[in-house]
Protein backbone atom coordinates (compact mmCIF):
# COMPACT_ATOMS: atom_id res chain seq x y z
CA MET A 1 51.39 33.11 188.72
CA ALA A 2 50.48 29.69 187.32
CA TYR A 3 49.16 27.04 189.69
CA ARG A 4 48.01 23.44 189.45
CA LEU A 5 44.98 21.82 190.94
CA THR A 6 45.59 18.50 192.67
CA THR A 7 43.36 16.05 194.51
CA GLU A 8 42.82 12.34 195.26
CA THR A 9 40.94 9.57 193.50
CA THR A 10 38.17 9.82 196.11
CA CYS A 11 36.62 12.43 193.77
CA ASP A 12 35.33 9.42 191.77
CA LEU A 13 35.61 11.42 188.56
CA PRO A 14 36.40 9.72 185.23
CA TYR A 15 40.17 9.55 184.83
CA SER A 16 39.86 11.27 181.47
CA TYR A 17 38.46 14.30 183.33
CA TYR A 18 41.71 14.85 185.26
CA GLU A 19 43.72 14.73 182.06
CA GLU A 20 41.38 17.09 180.21
CA ARG A 21 41.41 19.63 183.05
CA ASN A 22 45.16 19.36 183.81
CA ILE A 23 44.59 18.08 187.35
CA ALA A 24 47.05 15.82 189.17
CA TYR A 25 45.88 13.25 191.70
CA VAL A 26 47.06 10.73 194.27
CA GLY A 27 45.58 7.26 193.90
CA LEU A 28 44.39 5.94 197.25
CA GLY A 29 44.85 2.32 198.22
CA PHE A 30 42.56 -0.59 198.98
CA VAL A 31 43.12 -4.21 199.97
CA MET A 32 41.23 -7.13 198.49
CA LYS A 33 42.00 -10.85 198.55
CA GLY A 34 45.07 -10.14 200.65
CA LYS A 35 46.65 -7.81 198.10
CA GLU A 36 46.98 -4.03 198.09
CA TYR A 37 45.90 -2.06 195.02
CA ILE A 38 46.12 1.62 194.12
CA GLU A 39 43.16 3.33 192.48
CA GLY A 40 43.84 4.63 189.01
CA PRO A 41 43.04 4.18 185.33
CA HIS A 42 45.22 1.09 185.14
CA GLN A 43 44.55 -0.52 188.51
CA GLU A 44 45.21 -4.25 188.47
CA ILE A 45 41.71 -5.26 189.53
CA PRO A 46 39.03 -3.40 187.53
CA PRO A 47 36.11 -1.76 189.34
CA ALA A 48 33.55 -4.25 187.96
CA GLU A 49 35.56 -7.09 189.48
CA VAL A 50 35.80 -5.25 192.79
CA TYR A 51 32.02 -4.97 192.97
CA ALA A 52 31.50 -8.56 191.84
CA SER A 53 33.81 -9.70 194.64
CA MET A 54 32.00 -7.55 197.21
CA ARG A 55 28.70 -9.08 196.14
CA GLN A 56 30.26 -12.46 196.94
CA LYS A 57 31.07 -11.15 200.45
CA GLU A 58 34.76 -10.63 199.70
CA SER A 59 36.23 -8.10 202.12
CA CYS A 60 37.57 -4.82 200.76
CA THR A 61 39.42 -2.45 203.11
CA THR A 62 41.22 0.84 202.59
CA ASN A 63 44.61 2.35 203.41
CA GLN A 64 45.30 6.00 204.11
CA ALA A 65 47.82 7.64 201.81
CA ASN A 66 50.90 8.73 203.73
CA ALA A 67 52.64 12.09 203.36
CA PHE A 68 55.31 10.61 201.07
CA ARG A 69 52.68 9.88 198.41
CA PHE A 70 51.76 13.57 198.37
CA VAL A 71 55.39 14.67 198.30
CA GLU A 72 55.82 12.50 195.19
CA MET A 73 52.96 14.34 193.50
CA PHE A 74 53.65 17.87 194.75
CA GLU A 75 57.40 18.12 194.28
CA PRO A 76 57.65 17.87 190.46
CA ILE A 77 54.97 20.55 190.17
CA LEU A 78 56.86 22.87 192.51
CA GLN A 79 60.12 22.14 190.68
CA ALA A 80 58.42 23.24 187.47
CA GLY A 81 57.72 26.63 189.05
CA GLU A 82 54.00 26.20 189.71
CA ASP A 83 52.08 26.68 192.95
CA ILE A 84 49.43 24.16 194.05
CA LEU A 85 45.82 24.24 195.22
CA HIS A 86 45.07 20.80 196.65
CA LEU A 87 41.49 19.71 197.32
CA SER A 88 41.45 16.87 199.82
CA PHE A 89 39.04 14.14 200.88
CA SER A 90 36.95 14.97 203.95
CA SER A 91 38.88 15.00 207.22
CA GLY A 92 35.67 13.70 208.80
CA LEU A 93 36.14 10.40 206.98
CA SER A 94 39.89 9.94 206.60
CA GLY A 95 43.31 11.16 207.66
CA THR A 96 44.23 11.81 204.02
CA CYS A 97 43.95 15.58 204.41
CA GLN A 98 46.40 15.46 207.33
CA SER A 99 48.91 13.62 205.13
CA ALA A 100 48.55 16.26 202.41
CA ASN A 101 49.16 19.02 204.94
CA GLN A 102 52.24 17.24 206.27
CA ALA A 103 53.65 17.01 202.77
CA ALA A 104 52.91 20.68 202.07
CA GLU A 105 54.65 21.74 205.29
CA GLU A 106 57.67 19.61 204.52
CA LEU A 107 58.03 21.01 201.01
CA SER A 108 57.56 24.62 202.14
CA GLU A 109 61.03 24.51 203.67
CA LYS A 110 62.58 23.11 200.50
CA TYR A 111 60.70 25.45 198.14
CA PRO A 112 60.20 28.69 200.10
CA ASP A 113 59.19 30.63 196.98
CA ARG A 114 56.35 28.24 196.11
CA ARG A 115 52.93 27.85 197.73
CA VAL A 116 50.86 24.74 198.46
CA ILE A 117 47.39 25.47 199.80
CA VAL A 118 45.46 22.45 201.06
CA VAL A 119 41.67 22.74 201.30
CA ASP A 120 39.80 20.20 203.40
CA SER A 121 36.79 19.67 201.12
CA LEU A 122 34.63 18.07 203.83
CA CYS A 123 33.29 16.21 200.79
CA ALA A 124 33.37 12.67 199.46
CA SER A 125 33.01 10.89 196.13
CA MET A 126 31.64 13.15 193.40
CA GLY A 127 30.80 15.79 196.00
CA GLN A 128 34.55 16.31 196.19
CA GLY A 129 34.54 15.99 192.40
CA LEU A 130 31.82 18.63 192.03
CA LEU A 131 33.75 21.12 194.15
CA LEU A 132 36.89 20.36 192.12
CA HIS A 133 34.91 20.96 188.93
CA PHE A 134 34.02 24.48 190.05
CA LEU A 135 37.63 25.16 191.11
CA ALA A 136 38.83 24.10 187.66
CA ASP A 137 36.32 26.45 186.04
CA ASN A 138 37.45 29.27 188.34
CA ARG A 139 41.10 28.65 187.49
CA ASP A 140 40.39 28.54 183.77
CA ASN A 141 38.50 31.82 184.07
CA GLY A 142 41.58 33.47 185.57
CA MET A 143 40.88 33.29 189.30
CA SER A 144 44.04 33.49 191.40
CA LEU A 145 45.28 30.72 193.68
CA GLU A 146 44.35 32.62 196.84
CA ASP A 147 40.92 33.64 195.59
CA ASN A 148 40.13 30.13 194.39
CA ALA A 149 41.12 28.65 197.75
CA ALA A 150 38.92 31.24 199.48
CA TRP A 151 36.05 30.38 197.10
CA ALA A 152 36.38 26.70 198.03
CA GLU A 153 36.26 27.49 201.74
CA ALA A 154 33.24 29.77 201.26
CA HIS A 155 31.22 27.32 199.15
CA LYS A 156 32.18 23.80 200.25
CA LEU A 157 29.30 23.58 202.72
CA ASN A 158 26.91 24.21 199.82
CA VAL A 159 27.97 20.97 198.13
CA CYS A 160 25.06 18.64 198.87
CA HIS A 161 25.62 14.88 199.12
CA TRP A 162 22.48 12.75 199.25
CA PHE A 163 22.78 9.02 198.90
CA THR A 164 21.26 5.67 199.66
CA VAL A 165 22.65 2.15 199.90
CA ASP A 166 21.21 -1.16 198.81
CA ASP A 167 22.80 -3.29 201.55
CA LEU A 168 23.06 -1.92 205.08
CA MET A 169 25.66 -4.52 206.06
CA PHE A 170 28.39 -2.57 204.28
CA LEU A 171 27.66 0.49 206.43
CA HIS A 172 27.65 -1.77 209.48
CA ARG A 173 31.10 -3.16 208.62
CA GLY A 174 32.34 0.41 208.31
CA GLY A 175 30.96 1.25 211.76
CA ARG A 176 28.19 3.51 210.37
CA VAL A 177 25.17 1.55 211.65
CA PRO A 178 24.67 -1.08 214.41
CA LYS A 179 24.41 -4.72 213.33
CA THR A 180 20.84 -5.06 214.61
CA THR A 181 19.79 -2.06 212.51
CA ALA A 182 21.50 -3.51 209.43
CA VAL A 183 19.97 -6.97 209.83
CA LEU A 184 16.46 -5.72 210.61
CA GLY A 185 16.57 -3.11 207.86
CA SER A 186 17.65 -5.71 205.31
CA LEU A 187 14.82 -8.06 206.34
CA LEU A 188 12.19 -5.31 206.08
CA GLY A 189 13.54 -3.73 202.88
CA ILE A 190 14.37 -0.49 204.70
CA LYS A 191 16.66 1.86 202.77
CA PRO A 192 18.41 4.71 204.57
CA VAL A 193 18.72 8.17 203.05
CA LEU A 194 22.03 9.67 204.16
CA HIS A 195 24.08 12.79 203.61
CA VAL A 196 27.48 14.26 204.44
CA ASP A 197 27.13 16.87 207.17
CA ASN A 198 29.03 20.12 207.80
CA GLU A 199 31.82 18.25 209.58
CA GLY A 200 32.24 15.87 206.66
CA HIS A 201 30.70 12.85 208.39
CA LEU A 202 28.13 10.41 207.01
CA ILE A 203 24.79 10.91 208.73
CA ALA A 204 21.55 8.95 208.30
CA MET A 205 18.69 11.40 207.80
CA SER A 206 15.63 9.23 207.13
CA LYS A 207 14.47 5.75 206.19
CA VAL A 208 12.12 4.63 203.44
CA ARG A 209 10.81 1.25 202.41
CA GLY A 210 11.85 0.00 199.01
CA ARG A 211 14.51 0.84 196.47
CA ALA A 212 12.41 3.05 194.19
CA ALA A 213 11.27 5.18 197.13
CA SER A 214 14.88 5.68 198.23
CA LEU A 215 15.90 6.90 194.77
CA GLN A 216 12.94 9.26 194.62
CA ALA A 217 13.87 10.57 198.08
CA LEU A 218 17.23 11.78 196.74
CA ALA A 219 15.52 13.86 194.06
CA LYS A 220 13.05 15.23 196.62
CA ARG A 221 15.93 16.39 198.82
CA MET A 222 17.46 18.16 195.85
CA LYS A 223 14.18 19.89 195.04
CA GLU A 224 14.02 21.25 198.62
CA THR A 225 17.44 22.92 198.73
CA MET A 226 19.00 23.36 195.27
CA THR A 227 20.12 26.92 194.55
CA GLU A 228 21.20 26.86 190.89
CA ASP A 229 18.92 27.62 187.98
CA PRO A 230 17.71 24.14 186.93
CA ALA A 231 18.51 24.90 183.29
CA LYS A 232 22.14 25.61 184.22
CA ALA A 233 22.63 23.42 187.30
CA THR A 234 25.68 21.18 187.59
CA VAL A 235 24.48 17.84 188.91
CA PHE A 236 26.59 14.69 189.32
CA ILE A 237 25.61 11.10 190.16
CA SER A 238 27.97 8.37 191.29
CA HIS A 239 26.85 4.79 191.76
CA GLY A 240 27.99 1.43 193.07
CA ASP A 241 27.79 -0.57 189.84
CA CYS A 242 24.07 0.05 189.21
CA GLU A 243 24.05 2.17 186.06
CA GLU A 244 20.41 1.60 185.08
CA GLU A 245 19.21 2.77 188.49
CA ALA A 246 21.49 5.80 188.16
CA LYS A 247 19.65 6.67 184.94
CA GLN A 248 16.32 6.19 186.74
CA THR A 249 17.49 8.52 189.53
CA ALA A 250 18.44 11.11 186.89
CA ALA A 251 14.93 10.79 185.46
CA TYR A 252 13.45 11.46 188.92
CA VAL A 253 15.75 14.51 189.24
CA GLU A 254 14.62 15.93 185.92
CA GLU A 255 10.96 15.22 186.66
CA MET A 256 11.03 16.86 190.11
CA THR A 257 13.49 19.73 189.58
CA GLY A 258 13.86 20.31 185.84
CA ALA A 259 17.64 19.83 186.10
CA LYS A 260 19.60 17.32 184.04
CA VAL A 261 22.47 15.25 185.41
CA LYS A 262 25.68 16.30 183.66
CA LEU A 263 28.03 13.54 184.74
CA PHE A 264 27.64 9.91 185.85
CA ASN A 265 30.47 7.74 187.11
CA LEU A 266 31.16 4.56 189.02
CA ILE A 267 32.10 4.92 192.68
CA GLY A 268 35.70 3.78 193.10
CA ALA A 269 36.85 0.94 195.32
CA VAL A 270 37.99 3.22 198.16
CA ILE A 271 34.58 4.82 198.67
CA GLY A 272 32.71 1.73 197.48
CA SER A 273 34.36 -0.51 200.05
CA HIS A 274 32.42 1.37 202.74
CA SER A 275 29.11 1.89 200.92
CA GLY A 276 28.90 -1.30 198.88
CA PRO A 277 27.32 -2.31 195.56
CA GLY A 278 24.06 -0.58 194.79
CA THR A 279 25.00 2.74 196.37
CA MET A 280 23.35 5.72 194.68
CA ALA A 281 24.67 9.23 195.33
CA LEU A 282 23.40 12.59 194.09
CA PHE A 283 25.45 15.81 194.23
CA PHE A 284 24.43 19.40 193.59
CA MET A 285 24.82 22.93 195.00
CA GLY A 286 22.26 23.84 197.64
CA SER A 287 21.40 26.40 200.29
CA GLU A 288 22.57 23.97 202.97
CA ARG A 289 23.80 20.43 203.18
C-alpha cells in the first residue's frame, strides 16, 4: 500500500529536497516586527533578512502549529488513498507533535481505512532532516509503512546533534541559559558546545574559548561516536547565516573523521529564532547522542 512521508519545516532541509523526494510538510510560523510569517519557499521575509534583523536585536518569536494545519495537509493525502508516516519536531522542544497527533486522531474517524502514524523524532533542525532522509531512502527501497515507522523509533536516538552558538544571549532569551552566564560568556569569548539529548531537549555539554575551538569541538564529538563508514557516512550541517564557517567545520570533519558533509543548509527562522545568527550544527549517525 502506498504511503506518503510528511513533516514540518523544522527539518531545515532545502525546499527542493521535499519536492524531489515527494514529501509534504507543514510550514511553522514565526513573528517578527509585529507580523506573523509562515516558513516556506516563498515566505514574505527571506531568511537573510531574518538574520540581519536578529543581528540588529530585532525580536523573533515562534508559534506552534495547531491541529487544523495538520488536518489541511493530511486530508488530501488520505482522500487520494494513501497512508501517511509523519515525522514530527521534537516533543521536548515544542507542542507541534501533539498537534500532529490530534489531527491524526481526528481524521482516523473520518477515514477508518487509512492510517496516519506520527513519529516523535526527538530531533531538531537537520537532525530531524537526517532522520527523514533515511526514511525516504527506506520508503524508496520498498520498506512498508509499519516497518519504516518502527525503523524510525529504533534509530532516532542514534541521530547525533552537536552544535555551538556565537551569541549566548539568544539561548538566554529562549530560557536555555541564565542571563549571568550569557553576559559573562560573551565577555570572555566562551562558546558552549550543546547537543539534543534522548528526551529531545537542548543540553549544554561543555564550554570552549573561541570560535575556532568550538567548531573543532563539533568534529571531535563526531569522531568519538560516529558509527557509519566514513566513506559512506551521511553528514549534514545547518548554520545560522555563516556559510564560510560551515565550510570550515566541514573541513574539520573531513580532517578528523575522513567523512565528507553531504548537505549544507541555512537554519530556518523557527529554529534560528532560538539559536541566533552564527549557530553551527553538525548531524550524523552515532552510537549514542
